[in-house]
Protein backbone atom coordinates (compact mmCIF):
# COMPACT_ATOMS: atom_id res chain seq x y z
CA MET A 1 25.47 50.05 0.45
CA THR A 2 28.34 48.19 2.03
CA ARG A 3 29.80 44.95 0.87
CA LYS A 4 28.51 43.17 3.98
CA SER A 5 24.91 44.29 3.45
CA ARG A 6 25.00 43.22 -0.23
CA ARG A 7 26.22 39.80 0.82
CA LEU A 8 23.41 39.46 3.40
CA ILE A 9 20.79 40.47 0.80
CA LEU A 10 22.18 37.89 -1.65
CA ILE A 11 22.14 35.14 1.01
CA ALA A 12 18.57 36.05 2.03
CA ALA A 13 17.41 36.05 -1.61
CA CYS A 14 19.02 32.65 -2.29
CA GLY A 15 17.53 31.22 0.92
CA SER A 16 14.03 32.41 0.05
CA VAL A 17 14.26 31.01 -3.51
CA LEU A 18 15.46 27.68 -2.09
CA ALA A 19 12.63 27.62 0.47
CA LEU A 20 10.08 28.38 -2.27
CA ALA A 21 11.47 25.58 -4.47
CA VAL A 22 11.32 23.05 -1.62
CA GLY A 23 7.77 24.15 -0.77
CA LEU A 24 6.62 23.70 -4.38
CA ILE A 25 8.23 20.26 -4.62
CA LEU A 26 6.60 19.09 -1.40
CA PHE A 27 3.22 20.46 -2.49
CA ALA A 28 3.47 18.66 -5.85
CA MET A 29 4.42 15.37 -4.18
CA SER A 30 1.87 15.53 -1.36
CA GLY A 31 -0.66 13.37 -3.19
CA SER A 32 1.85 10.75 -4.28
CA ILE A 33 3.73 10.12 -1.03
CA VAL A 34 1.72 7.00 -0.20
CA PHE A 35 3.02 3.46 0.20
CA PHE A 36 -0.12 2.05 -1.41
CA ARG A 37 -3.81 2.72 -1.92
CA SER A 38 -6.59 0.40 -0.86
CA PRO A 39 -9.46 -0.59 -3.19
CA THR A 40 -11.76 1.75 -1.21
CA ASP A 41 -9.34 4.66 -1.79
CA ILE A 42 -9.35 3.96 -5.52
CA ALA A 43 -13.16 3.82 -5.64
CA GLN A 44 -13.65 6.99 -3.55
CA GLN A 45 -10.95 9.13 -5.15
CA GLY A 46 -11.97 8.36 -8.71
CA ILE A 47 -8.40 7.84 -9.90
CA ALA A 48 -8.02 8.40 -13.63
CA PRO A 49 -7.16 5.45 -15.89
CA GLY A 50 -3.49 5.34 -16.84
CA THR A 51 -2.39 6.47 -13.38
CA ARG A 52 0.54 4.55 -11.97
CA LEU A 53 0.13 3.53 -8.32
CA ARG A 54 0.45 0.79 -5.71
CA LEU A 55 -2.59 -1.23 -4.70
CA GLY A 56 -2.66 -2.97 -1.33
CA GLY A 57 -5.08 -5.30 0.38
CA LEU A 58 -5.98 -8.97 0.75
CA VAL A 59 -6.21 -11.48 -2.09
CA LYS A 60 -9.89 -12.43 -2.14
CA ASP A 61 -10.59 -16.10 -1.48
CA GLY A 62 -11.60 -17.99 -4.64
CA SER A 63 -10.48 -15.23 -6.99
CA LEU A 64 -7.13 -16.64 -8.15
CA ARG A 65 -7.21 -17.76 -11.80
CA ARG A 66 -4.11 -18.85 -13.70
CA GLY A 67 -4.03 -18.42 -17.47
CA PRO A 68 -1.60 -19.22 -20.26
CA ASP A 69 1.91 -17.71 -20.43
CA GLN A 70 2.17 -17.08 -16.65
CA THR A 71 -0.86 -14.75 -16.68
CA VAL A 72 -2.59 -14.57 -13.31
CA ASP A 73 -5.90 -12.86 -12.50
CA PHE A 74 -6.97 -12.23 -8.91
CA THR A 75 -9.02 -9.79 -6.88
CA VAL A 76 -7.64 -7.49 -4.17
CA THR A 77 -10.08 -6.49 -1.44
CA ASP A 78 -10.14 -4.49 1.77
CA THR A 79 -13.57 -6.00 2.60
CA ASN A 80 -15.30 -2.75 1.52
CA ALA A 81 -14.34 -2.65 -2.16
CA THR A 82 -12.55 -4.89 -4.65
CA VAL A 83 -10.25 -4.34 -7.62
CA GLU A 84 -9.56 -6.93 -10.33
CA VAL A 85 -5.82 -7.37 -10.92
CA GLN A 86 -4.05 -8.93 -13.88
CA TYR A 87 -0.37 -9.86 -13.62
CA LYS A 88 1.97 -11.61 -16.02
CA GLY A 89 5.00 -13.24 -14.47
CA LEU A 90 6.09 -15.38 -11.57
CA LEU A 91 4.36 -14.73 -8.26
CA PRO A 92 6.24 -14.62 -4.95
CA ASP A 93 6.36 -17.87 -2.96
CA LEU A 94 4.26 -16.37 -0.15
CA PHE A 95 1.46 -15.28 -2.49
CA ARG A 96 -1.85 -17.03 -1.79
CA GLU A 97 -5.53 -16.31 -1.31
CA GLY A 98 -6.47 -14.60 1.95
CA GLN A 99 -3.00 -13.08 2.39
CA GLY A 100 -1.82 -9.48 2.16
CA VAL A 101 -0.41 -8.21 -1.11
CA VAL A 102 0.88 -4.97 -2.62
CA ALA A 103 0.75 -4.73 -6.43
CA GLU A 104 2.43 -1.96 -8.40
CA GLY A 105 1.13 -1.05 -11.82
CA MET A 106 -1.39 0.97 -13.77
CA LEU A 107 -5.15 1.39 -13.58
CA GLU A 108 -6.85 0.59 -16.90
CA PRO A 109 -9.99 2.29 -18.32
CA GLY A 110 -12.31 -0.61 -17.37
CA GLY A 111 -11.30 -0.40 -13.70
CA ARG A 112 -8.93 -3.38 -13.93
CA PHE A 113 -5.47 -2.97 -12.46
CA ARG A 114 -2.59 -4.23 -14.61
CA ALA A 115 0.27 -5.06 -12.26
CA ASP A 116 3.89 -5.28 -13.29
CA THR A 117 5.16 -6.07 -9.76
CA VAL A 118 3.48 -8.11 -7.01
CA LEU A 119 4.82 -8.16 -3.45
CA ALA A 120 3.50 -10.64 -0.89
CA LYS A 121 3.62 -10.05 2.83
CA HIS A 122 6.66 -11.48 4.55
CA ASP A 123 5.14 -12.89 7.76
CA GLU A 124 1.85 -13.51 9.53
CA SER A 125 2.02 -10.34 11.64
CA TYR A 126 1.95 -7.85 8.74
CA MET A 127 -1.39 -6.33 7.80
CA PRO A 128 -1.96 -2.99 6.06
CA ARG A 129 -3.42 -0.57 8.62
CA GLU A 130 -6.46 0.26 6.47
CA VAL A 131 -7.27 -3.41 5.93
CA ALA A 132 -6.82 -4.21 9.64
CA ASP A 133 -9.13 -1.32 10.58
CA ALA A 134 -11.78 -2.54 8.11
CA LEU A 135 -11.55 -6.10 9.48
CA LYS A 136 -11.86 -4.81 13.05
CA ALA A 137 -14.95 -2.77 12.10
CA GLN A 138 -16.58 -5.89 10.62
CA GLY A 139 -15.73 -8.04 13.65
CA ARG A 140 -13.43 -10.37 11.66
CA TRP A 141 -10.31 -9.31 13.63
CA GLN A 142 -10.02 -10.41 17.24
CA GLU A 143 -7.28 -9.46 19.69
CA GLY A 144 -5.15 -12.51 20.46
CA GLY A 145 -7.10 -14.96 18.30
CA SER A 146 -8.95 -15.51 15.09
CA LYS A 147 -12.69 -15.02 14.66
CA GLY A 148 -14.44 -16.07 11.50
CA GLY A 149 -11.26 -17.08 9.72
CA GLY A 150 -9.80 -13.59 9.85
CA PRO A 151 -6.20 -12.75 10.70
CA GLN A 152 -4.90 -12.57 14.24
CA GLN A 153 -3.39 -9.63 16.07
CA PRO A 154 0.32 -10.34 16.66
CA ALA A 155 1.50 -10.95 20.21
CA THR A 156 3.68 -8.27 21.74
CA ALA A 157 6.85 -8.79 23.73
CA SER A 158 7.27 -7.47 27.25
CA ASN A 159 9.59 -4.74 25.99
CA GLY A 160 6.89 -3.42 23.63
CA GLY A 161 8.24 -5.07 20.47
CA THR A 162 6.26 -7.39 18.22
CA LEU A 163 6.98 -11.09 18.31
CA GLY A 164 7.09 -12.73 14.93
CA PRO A 165 5.95 -16.31 14.39
CA ARG A 166 9.47 -17.66 14.94
CA SER A 167 10.03 -15.67 18.16
CA GLU A 168 7.03 -17.21 19.92
CA ARG A 169 8.62 -20.69 20.12
């Protein structure tokens, strides 16, 4: 066996081990590469208590309750399912009922979600895709306008971009 052929065998072996390692890492992460899960996803997938995840949806109208020591309870919905959320801390300025939210935390045994981080949407044009699809299916989302108090579809610019609320002036 020549020196050149030994070197090629070594390179091929190292390449295959590296490819196997990358494949195993991607397979292990395939279930956790998600920006957030909707309340319907949590209900359908039967996620085990103690699992750390991100929950996204709309803050249900009338569900916001403030307690002592900056404790806040609210409900996140995607109009199909709801999840009770408890958070202790200061909420973002844009946080309010009927608006989009992403909460990061842990699912508790009773089905309540204990959040340690709450992110509010940054403008009126943002809507999680799953929530927007659910609102469209229920007829609460109307192209170009609001129907039944639901959110509006953002206007699009002539170049295909999305106009934010400040760009429409």
